[in-house]
C-alpha atoms as a PDB file:
ATOM      1  CA  MET A   1     126.441 110.122  95.747  1.00  0.00           C
ATOM      2  CA  ASN A   2     124.216 107.430  97.178  1.00  0.00           C
ATOM      3  CA  ALA A   3     123.741 103.830  96.183  1.00  0.00           C
ATOM      4  CA  ILE A   4     121.606 103.385  93.129  1.00  0.00           C
ATOM      5  CA  SER A   5     117.985 102.377  93.610  1.00  0.00           C
ATOM      6  CA  ASN A   6     115.911 100.592  91.006  1.00  0.00           C
ATOM      7  CA  PHE A   7     112.219 100.933  90.404  1.00  0.00           C
ATOM      8  CA  THR A   8     109.872  99.537  87.790  1.00  0.00           C
ATOM      9  CA  PHE A   9     107.322 101.364  85.690  1.00  0.00           C
ATOM     10  CA  HIS A  10     104.303  99.367  84.431  1.00  0.00           C
ATOM     11  CA  ASN A  11     106.108  96.145  85.396  1.00  0.00           C
ATOM     12  CA  ASP A  12     108.158  96.403  82.200  1.00  0.00           C
ATOM     13  CA  TYR A  13     110.774  99.144  82.494  1.00  0.00           C
ATOM     14  CA  ASN A  14     113.584  99.293  85.019  1.00  0.00           C
ATOM     15  CA  VAL A  15     114.750 102.821  85.861  1.00  0.00           C
ATOM     16  CA  ARG A  16     117.839 103.504  87.965  1.00  0.00           C
ATOM     17  CA  VAL A  17     117.881 106.514  90.287  1.00  0.00           C
ATOM     18  CA  GLN A  18     120.345 107.873  92.807  1.00  0.00           C
ATOM     19  CA  LEU A  19     120.628 110.883  95.080  1.00  0.00           C
ATOM     20  CA  ILE A  20     123.204 113.547  94.255  1.00  0.00           C
ATOM     21  CA  ASP A  21     123.379 116.333  96.842  1.00  0.00           C
ATOM     22  CA  ALA A  22     120.111 115.020  98.299  1.00  0.00           C
ATOM     23  CA  GLU A  23     118.302 115.364  94.948  1.00  0.00           C
ATOM     24  CA  PRO A  24     117.094 112.466  92.781  1.00  0.00           C
ATOM     25  CA  TRP A  25     118.836 111.924  89.430  1.00  0.00           C
ATOM     26  CA  PHE A  26     117.578 109.495  86.826  1.00  0.00           C
ATOM     27  CA  CYS A  27     119.476 107.271  84.422  1.00  0.00           C
ATOM     28  CA  LEU A  28     119.161 108.908  81.003  1.00  0.00           C
ATOM     29  CA  ALA A  29     119.260 105.630  79.077  1.00  0.00           C
ATOM     30  CA  ASP A  30     116.488 104.098  81.201  1.00  0.00           C
ATOM     31  CA  VAL A  31     114.245 107.162  80.886  1.00  0.00           C
ATOM     32  CA  CYS A  32     114.703 107.302  77.106  1.00  0.00           C
ATOM     33  CA  CYS A  33     113.818 103.614  76.891  1.00  0.00           C
ATOM     34  CA  VAL A  34     110.572 104.146  78.817  1.00  0.00           C
ATOM     35  CA  LEU A  35     109.593 107.146  76.692  1.00  0.00           C
ATOM     36  CA  SER A  36     110.908 105.858  73.336  1.00  0.00           C
ATOM     37  CA  VAL A  37     113.117 108.941  72.941  1.00  0.00           C
ATOM     38  CA  ASP A  38     116.353 108.632  70.954  1.00  0.00           C
ATOM     39  CA  ARG A  39     119.545 109.515  72.820  1.00  0.00           C
ATOM     40  CA  THR A  40     121.054 111.787  70.206  1.00  0.00           C
ATOM     41  CA  SER A  41     123.454 114.690  70.457  1.00  0.00           C
ATOM     42  CA  ARG A  42     120.513 116.979  69.739  1.00  0.00           C
ATOM     43  CA  LEU A  43     118.735 115.696  72.825  1.00  0.00           C
ATOM     44  CA  LEU A  44     121.789 116.399  74.952  1.00  0.00           C
ATOM     45  CA  ARG A  45     122.052 119.925  73.530  1.00  0.00           C
ATOM     46  CA  ASP A  46     118.456 120.607  74.517  1.00  0.00           C
ATOM     47  CA  LEU A  47     119.098 119.609  78.099  1.00  0.00           C
ATOM     48  CA  ASP A  48     120.580 121.816  80.800  1.00  0.00           C
ATOM     49  CA  GLU A  49     124.267 120.935  81.173  1.00  0.00           C
ATOM     50  CA  LYS A  50     124.063 121.559  84.912  1.00  0.00           C
ATOM     51  CA  GLY A  51     121.501 118.796  85.100  1.00  0.00           C
ATOM     52  CA  LEU A  52     123.755 116.163  83.491  1.00  0.00           C
ATOM     53  CA  ALA A  53     126.146 113.940  85.406  1.00  0.00           C
ATOM     54  CA  ASP A  54     128.363 111.005  84.433  1.00  0.00           C
ATOM     55  CA  CYS A  55     128.259 108.501  87.267  1.00  0.00           C
ATOM     56  CA  HIS A  56     130.210 105.298  87.739  1.00  0.00           C
ATOM     57  CA  THR A  57     127.458 102.724  87.843  1.00  0.00           C
ATOM     58  CA  PRO A  58     127.685  98.956  88.451  1.00  0.00           C
ATOM     59  CA  THR A  59     126.425  96.939  85.481  1.00  0.00           C
ATOM     60  CA  ASN A  60     126.643  93.332  84.335  1.00  0.00           C
ATOM     61  CA  GLY A  61     129.832  94.280  82.510  1.00  0.00           C
ATOM     62  CA  GLY A  62     131.359  95.960  85.555  1.00  0.00           C
ATOM     63  CA  ASN A  63     131.436  99.626  86.587  1.00  0.00           C
ATOM     64  CA  GLN A  64     130.632 101.928  83.713  1.00  0.00           C
ATOM     65  CA  LYS A  65     130.248 105.668  83.338  1.00  0.00           C
ATOM     66  CA  ILE A  66     126.535 106.281  82.742  1.00  0.00           C
ATOM     67  CA  LYS A  67     124.781 109.594  82.265  1.00  0.00           C
ATOM     68  CA  PHE A  68     122.152 110.688  84.777  1.00  0.00           C
ATOM     69  CA  VAL A  69     119.760 113.666  84.566  1.00  0.00           C
ATOM     70  CA  ASN A  70     118.211 115.764  87.291  1.00  0.00           C
ATOM     71  CA  GLU A  71     114.490 116.347  87.769  1.00  0.00           C
ATOM     72  CA  PRO A  72     114.131 119.411  85.463  1.00  0.00           C
ATOM     73  CA  ASN A  73     115.903 117.556  82.647  1.00  0.00           C
ATOM     74  CA  LEU A  74     113.709 114.543  83.308  1.00  0.00           C
ATOM     75  CA  TYR A  75     110.626 116.642  82.543  1.00  0.00           C
ATOM     76  CA  ARG A  76     112.259 118.068  79.417  1.00  0.00           C
ATOM     77  CA  ILE A  77     112.684 114.519  78.132  1.00  0.00           C
ATOM     78  CA  ILE A  78     109.103 113.622  79.042  1.00  0.00           C
ATOM     79  CA  PHE A  79     107.817 116.612  77.048  1.00  0.00           C
ATOM     80  CA  ARG A  80     109.673 115.369  73.962  1.00  0.00           C
ATOM     81  CA  SER A  81     107.949 111.981  74.048  1.00  0.00           C
ATOM     82  CA  ASN A  82     104.927 111.251  71.890  1.00  0.00           C
ATOM     83  CA  LYS A  83     104.257 108.014  73.723  1.00  0.00           C
ATOM     84  CA  PRO A  84     100.769 107.752  75.312  1.00  0.00           C
ATOM     85  CA  GLU A  85     102.334 106.526  78.550  1.00  0.00           C
ATOM     86  CA  ALA A  86     104.462 109.682  78.904  1.00  0.00           C
ATOM     87  CA  LYS A  87     101.808 111.479  80.961  1.00  0.00           C
ATOM     88  CA  GLN A  88     101.319 108.421  83.133  1.00  0.00           C
ATOM     89  CA  PHE A  89     105.069 108.197  83.680  1.00  0.00           C
ATOM     90  CA  GLN A  90     105.244 111.873  84.629  1.00  0.00           C
ATOM     91  CA  ASP A  91     102.363 111.587  87.096  1.00  0.00           C
ATOM     92  CA  TRP A  92     103.797 108.427  88.595  1.00  0.00           C
ATOM     93  CA  VAL A  93     107.227 109.966  89.113  1.00  0.00           C
ATOM     94  CA  PHE A  94     105.817 113.210  90.474  1.00  0.00           C
ATOM     95  CA  ASN A  95     103.100 111.793  92.741  1.00  0.00           C
ATOM     96  CA  GLU A  96     104.642 108.532  93.922  1.00  0.00           C
ATOM     97  CA  VAL A  97     108.338 108.080  93.275  1.00  0.00           C
ATOM     98  CA  LEU A  98     109.746 111.510  94.123  1.00  0.00           C
ATOM     99  CA  PRO A  99     107.873 111.951  97.423  1.00  0.00           C
ATOM    100  CA  THR A 100     109.022 108.511  98.521  1.00  0.00           C
ATOM    101  CA  ILE A 101     112.646 109.148  97.572  1.00  0.00           C
ATOM    102  CA  ARG A 102     112.712 112.489  99.371  1.00  0.00           C
ATOM    103  CA  LYS A 103     111.167 110.979 102.474  1.00  0.00           C
ATOM    104  CA  THR A 104     113.186 107.770 102.785  1.00  0.00           C
ATOM    105  CA  GLY A 105     116.214 108.376 100.588  1.00  0.00           C
ATOM    106  CA  LYS A 106     115.204 105.498  98.349  1.00  0.00           C
ATOM    107  CA  TYR A 107     112.306 104.248  96.305  1.00  0.00           C
ATOM    108  CA  GLU A 108     110.111 101.543  97.776  1.00  0.00           C
ATOM    109  CA  ALA A 109     107.465 100.103  95.524  1.00  0.00           C
ATOM    110  CA  PRO A 110     104.027 100.277  97.157  1.00  0.00           C
ATOM    111  CA  LYS A 111     102.790  97.028  98.599  1.00  0.00           C
ATOM    112  CA  PRO A 112     100.063  95.516  96.450  1.00  0.00           C
ATOM    113  CA  VAL A 113      96.596  95.973  97.860  1.00  0.00           C
ATOM    114  CA  GLU A 114      95.278  92.640  99.023  1.00  0.00           C
ATOM    115  CA  LYS A 115      92.239  91.673  97.007  1.00  0.00           C
ATOM    116  CA  ARG A 116      89.235  91.133  99.229  1.00  0.00           C
ATOM    117  CA  ASN A 117      87.071  88.110  98.520  1.00  0.00           C
ATOM    118  CA  TYR A 118      83.618  89.511  99.186  1.00  0.00           C
ATOM    119  CA  LEU A 119      80.420  87.484  99.216  1.00  0.00           C
ATOM    120  CA  ASN A 120      78.456  87.646  95.987  1.00  0.00           C
ATOM    121  CA  ASN A 121      74.709  88.065  95.471  1.00  0.00           C
ATOM    122  CA  SER A 122      74.122  84.317  95.582  1.00  0.00           C
ATOM    123  CA  ASP A 123      75.890  84.091  98.958  1.00  0.00           C
ATOM    124  CA  MET A 124      73.742  86.911 100.314  1.00  0.00           C
ATOM    125  CA  ASN A 125      70.642  85.111  99.054  1.00  0.00           C
ATOM    126  CA  ASN A 126      71.735  82.055 101.042  1.00  0.00           C
ATOM    127  CA  ILE A 127      72.095  84.226 104.142  1.00  0.00           C
ATOM    128  CA  LYS A 128      68.626  85.702 103.671  1.00  0.00           C
ATOM    129  CA  ARG A 129      67.269  82.200 103.101  1.00  0.00           C
ATOM    130  CA  LEU A 130      68.584  81.153 106.517  1.00  0.00           C
ATOM    131  CA  ILE A 131      67.133  84.279 108.118  1.00  0.00           C
ATOM    132  CA  TRP A 132      63.803  83.430 106.499  1.00  0.00           C
ATOM    133  CA  THR A 133      64.053  79.889 107.891  1.00  0.00           C
ATOM    134  CA  CYS A 134      64.359  81.287 111.416  1.00  0.00           C
ATOM    135  CA  ALA A 135      62.244  84.440 111.289  1.00  0.00           C
ATOM    136  CA  ASP A 136      59.292  83.472 109.111  1.00  0.00           C
ATOM    137  CA  HIS A 137      57.648  81.575 111.982  1.00  0.00           C
ATOM    138  CA  PHE A 138      57.375  84.719 114.102  1.00  0.00           C
ATOM    139  CA  GLY A 139      54.824  87.502 114.114  1.00  0.00           C
ATOM    140  CA  HIS A 140      57.358  90.313 114.494  1.00  0.00           C
ATOM    141  CA  LYS A 141      59.353  89.324 111.426  1.00  0.00           C
ATOM    142  CA  GLY A 142      60.925  92.741 110.917  1.00  0.00           C
ATOM    143  CA  SER A 143      62.273  92.961 114.456  1.00  0.00           C
ATOM    144  CA  PHE A 144      63.470  89.378 114.360  1.00  0.00           C
ATOM    145  CA  ASN A 145      65.164  90.010 111.024  1.00  0.00           C
ATOM    146  CA  GLN A 146      67.066  93.010 112.388  1.00  0.00           C
ATOM    147  CA  ALA A 147      68.063  91.109 115.511  1.00  0.00           C
ATOM    148  CA  ILE A 148      69.626  88.346 113.408  1.00  0.00           C
ATOM    149  CA  TRP A 149      71.482  90.854 111.223  1.00  0.00           C
ATOM    150  CA  ALA A 150      72.843  92.502 114.376  1.00  0.00           C
ATOM    151  CA  CYS A 151      74.103  89.110 115.569  1.00  0.00           C
ATOM    152  CA  LEU A 152      75.792  88.417 112.225  1.00  0.00           C
ATOM    153  CA  ARG A 153      77.507  91.815 112.294  1.00  0.00           C
ATOM    154  CA  ASP A 154      78.620  91.331 115.888  1.00  0.00           C
ATOM    155  CA  VAL A 155      80.041  87.820 115.478  1.00  0.00           C
ATOM    156  CA  THR A 156      82.029  88.718 112.336  1.00  0.00           C
ATOM    157  CA  GLY A 157      83.114  92.174 113.467  1.00  0.00           C
ATOM    158  CA  VAL A 158      81.972  93.599 110.121  1.00  0.00           C
ATOM    159  CA  PRO A 159      80.046  96.850 110.640  1.00  0.00           C
ATOM    160  CA  SER A 160      77.005  97.654 108.562  1.00  0.00           C
ATOM    161  CA  PRO A 161      76.860  98.238 105.610  1.00  0.00           C
ATOM    162  CA  ALA A 162      80.315  96.758 104.883  1.00  0.00           C
ATOM    163  CA  LYS A 163      80.365  93.503 102.938  1.00  0.00           C
ATOM    164  CA  PHE A 164      80.990  90.096 104.446  1.00  0.00           C
ATOM    165  CA  GLU A 165      83.896  88.084 103.030  1.00  0.00           C
ATOM    166  CA  VAL A 166      84.194  84.410 102.110  1.00  0.00           C
ATOM    167  CA  GLU A 167      86.310  83.773 105.203  1.00  0.00           C
ATOM    168  CA  HIS A 168      83.303  84.750 107.337  1.00  0.00           C
ATOM    169  CA  LEU A 169      81.091  81.942 106.010  1.00  0.00           C
ATOM    170  CA  PRO A 170      81.947  79.327 108.706  1.00  0.00           C
ATOM    171  CA  VAL A 171      81.410  81.922 111.442  1.00  0.00           C
ATOM    172  CA  LEU A 172      78.088  82.951 109.932  1.00  0.00           C
ATOM    173  CA  ALA A 173      76.944  79.333 109.709  1.00  0.00           C
ATOM    174  CA  GLU A 174      77.823  78.703 113.368  1.00  0.00           C
ATOM    175  CA  GLU A 175      75.924  81.813 114.410  1.00  0.00           C
ATOM    176  CA  PHE A 176      72.854  80.631 112.535  1.00  0.00           C
ATOM    177  CA  LYS A 177      73.072  77.283 114.349  1.00  0.00           C
ATOM    178  CA  ARG A 178      73.292  79.118 117.678  1.00  0.00           C
ATOM    179  CA  ILE A 179      70.191  81.124 116.800  1.00  0.00           C
ATOM    180  CA  LEU A 180      68.279  77.980 115.770  1.00  0.00           C
ATOM    181  CA  ASN A 181      69.129  76.294 119.087  1.00  0.00           C
ATOM    182  CA  ILE A 182      67.465  79.250 120.801  1.00  0.00           C
ATOM    183  CA  VAL A 183      64.491  79.417 118.445  1.00  0.00           C
ATOM    184  CA  GLN A 184      63.753  75.682 118.173  1.00  0.00           C
ATOM    185  CA  PRO A 185      62.304  75.093 121.687  1.00  0.00           C
ATOM    186  CA  PHE A 186      60.039  78.103 121.259  1.00  0.00           C
ATOM    187  CA  LEU A 187      58.832  76.839 117.889  1.00  0.00           C
ATOM    188  CA  ASP A 188      58.179  73.390 119.330  1.00  0.00           C
ATOM    189  CA  MET A 189      55.993  74.896 122.033  1.00  0.00           C
ATOM    190  CA  GLN A 190      54.304  77.258 119.584  1.00  0.00           C
ATOM    191  CA  TYR A 191      53.300  74.511 117.167  1.00  0.00           C
ATOM    192  CA  GLU A 192      52.180  72.233 119.958  1.00  0.00           C
ATOM    193  CA  CYS A 193      50.123  75.011 121.493  1.00  0.00           C
ATOM    194  CA  GLN A 194      48.455  75.810 118.172  1.00  0.00           C
ATOM    195  CA  THR A 195      47.608  72.162 117.562  1.00  0.00           C
ATOM    196  CA  LEU A 196      46.091  71.619 120.985  1.00  0.00           C
ATOM    197  CA  LEU A 197      44.272  74.941 120.850  1.00  0.00           C
ATOM    198  CA  ILE A 198      42.573  73.975 117.606  1.00  0.00           C
ATOM    199  CA  LYS A 199      41.643  70.511 118.896  1.00  0.00           C
ATOM    200  CA  ARG A 200      40.408  71.300 122.378  1.00  0.00           C
ATOM    201  CA  VAL A 201      39.270  74.894 122.460  1.00  0.00           C
ATOM    202  CA  ILE A 202      37.960  75.421 118.943  1.00  0.00           C
ATOM    203  CA  ARG A 203      36.917  72.003 117.669  1.00  0.00           C
ATOM    204  CA  GLY A 204      36.292  70.546 121.126  1.00  0.00           C
ATOM    205  CA  ARG A 205      34.367  73.663 122.140  1.00  0.00           C
ATOM    206  CA  ALA A 206      36.052  73.720 125.520  1.00  0.00           C
ATOM    207  CA  ASP A 207      35.399  76.724 127.742  1.00  0.00           C
ATOM    208  CA  HIS A 208      37.905  79.472 127.162  1.00  0.00           C
ATOM    209  CA  THR A 209      38.704  79.497 130.884  1.00  0.00           C
ATOM    210  CA  VAL A 210      40.628  76.309 130.434  1.00  0.00           C
ATOM    211  CA  LEU A 211      42.979  78.042 128.000  1.00  0.00           C
ATOM    212  CA  GLN A 212      45.470  79.087 130.674  1.00  0.00           C
ATOM    213  CA  ALA A 213      45.538  75.640 132.161  1.00  0.00           C
ATOM    214  CA  LEU A 214      45.948  74.242 128.694  1.00  0.00           C
ATOM    215  CA  LEU A 215      48.965  76.454 128.070  1.00  0.00           C
ATOM    216  CA  ASP A 216      50.510  75.539 131.432  1.00  0.00           C
ATOM    217  CA  ASN A 217      50.055  71.819 130.996  1.00  0.00           C
ATOM    218  CA  MET A 218      50.097  71.355 127.223  1.00  0.00           C
ATOM    219  CA  ARG A 219      53.214  69.213 127.154  1.00  0.00           C
ATOM    220  CA  ASN A 220      51.775  66.727 129.663  1.00  0.00           C
ATOM    221  CA  ALA A 221      48.397  66.858 127.943  1.00  0.00           C
ATOM    222  CA  ALA A 222      49.757  66.098 124.463  1.00  0.00           C
ATOM    223  CA  ASN A 223      48.447  62.770 123.136  1.00  0.00           C
ATOM    224  CA  GLN A 224      50.389  60.357 120.958  1.00  0.00           C
ATOM    225  CA  SER A 225      49.481  62.043 117.657  1.00  0.00           C
ATOM    226  CA  ASP A 226      50.566  65.393 119.074  1.00  0.00           C
ATOM    227  CA  ASN A 227      53.916  63.920 120.032  1.00  0.00           C
ATOM    228  CA  GLN A 228      54.305  62.421 116.582  1.00  0.00           C
ATOM    229  CA  PHE A 229      53.515  65.780 115.013  1.00  0.00           C
ATOM    230  CA  LYS A 230      56.088  67.495 117.228  1.00  0.00           C
ATOM    231  CA  GLU A 231      58.736  64.889 116.501  1.00  0.00           C
ATOM    232  CA  ALA A 232      58.156  65.229 112.772  1.00  0.00           C
ATOM    233  CA  LEU A 233      58.434  68.991 113.066  1.00  0.00           C
ATOM    234  CA  GLN A 234      61.619  68.729 115.122  1.00  0.00           C
ATOM    235  CA  LYS A 235      63.161  66.579 112.410  1.00  0.00           C
ATOM    236  CA  GLN A 236      61.943  68.639 109.463  1.00  0.00           C
ATOM    237  CA  LEU A 237      63.104  72.130 110.438  1.00  0.00           C
ATOM    238  CA  PRO A 238      66.651  71.272 111.609  1.00  0.00           C
ATOM    239  CA  ALA A 239      67.159  69.059 108.550  1.00  0.00           C
ATOM    240  CA  MET A 240      66.150  71.881 106.234  1.00  0.00           C
ATOM    241  CA  PHE A 241      68.152  74.353 108.291  1.00  0.00           C
ATOM    242  CA  ASN A 242      71.299  72.215 108.214  1.00  0.00           C
ATOM    243  CA  GLN A 243      70.974  71.878 104.453  1.00  0.00           C
ATOM    244  CA  GLU A 244      70.714  75.656 104.113  1.00  0.00           C
ATOM    245  CA  CYS A 245      73.850  76.043 106.261  1.00  0.00           C
ATOM    246  CA  LEU A 246      75.692  73.671 103.943  1.00  0.00           C
ATOM    247  CA  ASN A 247      74.475  75.684 100.970  1.00  0.00           C
ATOM    248  CA  LEU A 248      75.910  78.800 102.580  1.00  0.00           C
ATOM    249  CA  ILE A 249      79.320  77.318 103.432  1.00  0.00           C
ATOM    250  CA  ASN A 250      79.663  75.557 100.073  1.00  0.00           C
ATOM    251  CA  ARG A 251      78.507  78.699  98.233  1.00  0.00           C
ATOM    252  CA  ARG A 252      75.857  76.868  96.254  1.00  0.00           C
ATOM    253  CA  PRO A 253      74.120  79.138  93.741  1.00  0.00           C
ATOM    254  CA  ASN A 254      70.875  80.628  94.975  1.00  0.00           C
ATOM    255  CA  HIS A 255      68.958  82.893  92.633  1.00  0.00           C
ATOM    256  CA  TYR A 256      65.895  83.326  94.843  1.00  0.00           C
ATOM    257  CA  ASP A 257      66.048  86.589  96.759  1.00  0.00           C
ATOM    258  CA  HIS A 258      64.151  86.783 100.059  1.00  0.00           C
ATOM    259  CA  TYR A 259      64.248  90.550  99.647  1.00  0.00           C
ATOM    260  CA  GLU A 260      61.929  91.056 102.629  1.00  0.00           C
ATOM    261  CA  TYR A 261      64.843  89.919 104.808  1.00  0.00           C
ATOM    262  CA  ASN A 262      67.358  92.447 103.522  1.00  0.00           C
ATOM    263  CA  GLU A 263      69.342  94.215 106.183  1.00  0.00           C
ATOM    264  CA  ARG A 264      67.629  97.460 107.077  1.00  0.00           C
ATOM    265  CA  LEU A 265      70.151 100.291 107.155  1.00  0.00           C
ATOM    266  CA  ILE A 266      69.601 102.876 109.835  1.00  0.00           C
END
């Protein structure tokens, strides 16, 4: 005989089991308690005598002789039970406990599955809001959108379409800041170019041949109002962007869905 192992069914019932000749035997009293079956002489008569064994078992009151039943007798007892959990107990023993005992010689309760803390819909709306902040200024919005999603997947190591988790939020925020640092100089030049183009070429009716020179020298050619416009723009976009990053990290509710910036699954 082997040392007795204990396992718990539904976190409420302790059942003792031990190996006899390499086969699992179950404590009769524990099984009857789980299944609400009375341990009467009639029950014992209905069981196979070859599947009954009196084993010296350590208890709080010292070693006692306790009756154990083999696997066939275990199922006979299960069939006598009218308890709704009887089928669950049978499936659990058959599919989980017995294979484990036969493989390792003892029962090891399965490790609880760690609950994953996935981002919710509001978090995803915050992410799409940040993508909108970066991508909406560009003509090729769809391509820019997909490029940002690819960056977010790469930096977190989460493949598409798997869900991001709360622990990824700081990494996502830092990646958005990296993207803005790349985008910002381009946006500055774009807005400045548009402003000067409207003033000099369209309103000022300058010859279109000066356009290339204008583009090459627009920073030096910008007057004081242009510089003020650029400085205001430089302050406005990062301030809004930083606030959106804080919203993402702090998981502030966002019910507006920039659905046009959903990740496109390929």
